[in-house]
Amino acid sequence: MATLADKPGYRKMTVEEFLDLPIEGRAELEDGILYMMAGGSPLHAAVTANIIVVLGSKLRGSGCRPMSSDMVVRTGPATLRMPDASVYCNIAPADMQKRLPGDPRVVFEVLSPST
């Protein structure tokens, strides 16, 4: 399938440029190429919510907390992903305002027919 990145003159995006974008919804950066992500099904959303609820109850008081798909995770020099759920530990209060607050301990991706 052809993408905008296949067109002559397309310039790949940096991680910093991606993080500065006012993106509504989900998007990922793969090797400098921006991909908008479609929403999931109600079943996908329910499974994700259940993961976050269970993790939240198990992690209470541990210094770790579950996060939703709004979190951006760096998986390569020019690649950022937005997993369905993730767990971060001991995030400094100042880092809670950042889109990229550090490395998660674990990420969760709910599978669907398209993945």
Foldseek 3Di string as FASTA:
>chain_A
DDDPVPDPPDDFAFPVRVQPDPDDADWKWDPRDIDGDDDDDPVQVVVLVVVQVVQQVVCPPVQKHKDAQQAWADPDRGIIHRAGMFMAGNQDPVLVPGSHRDHTPDGHHDDDPVD
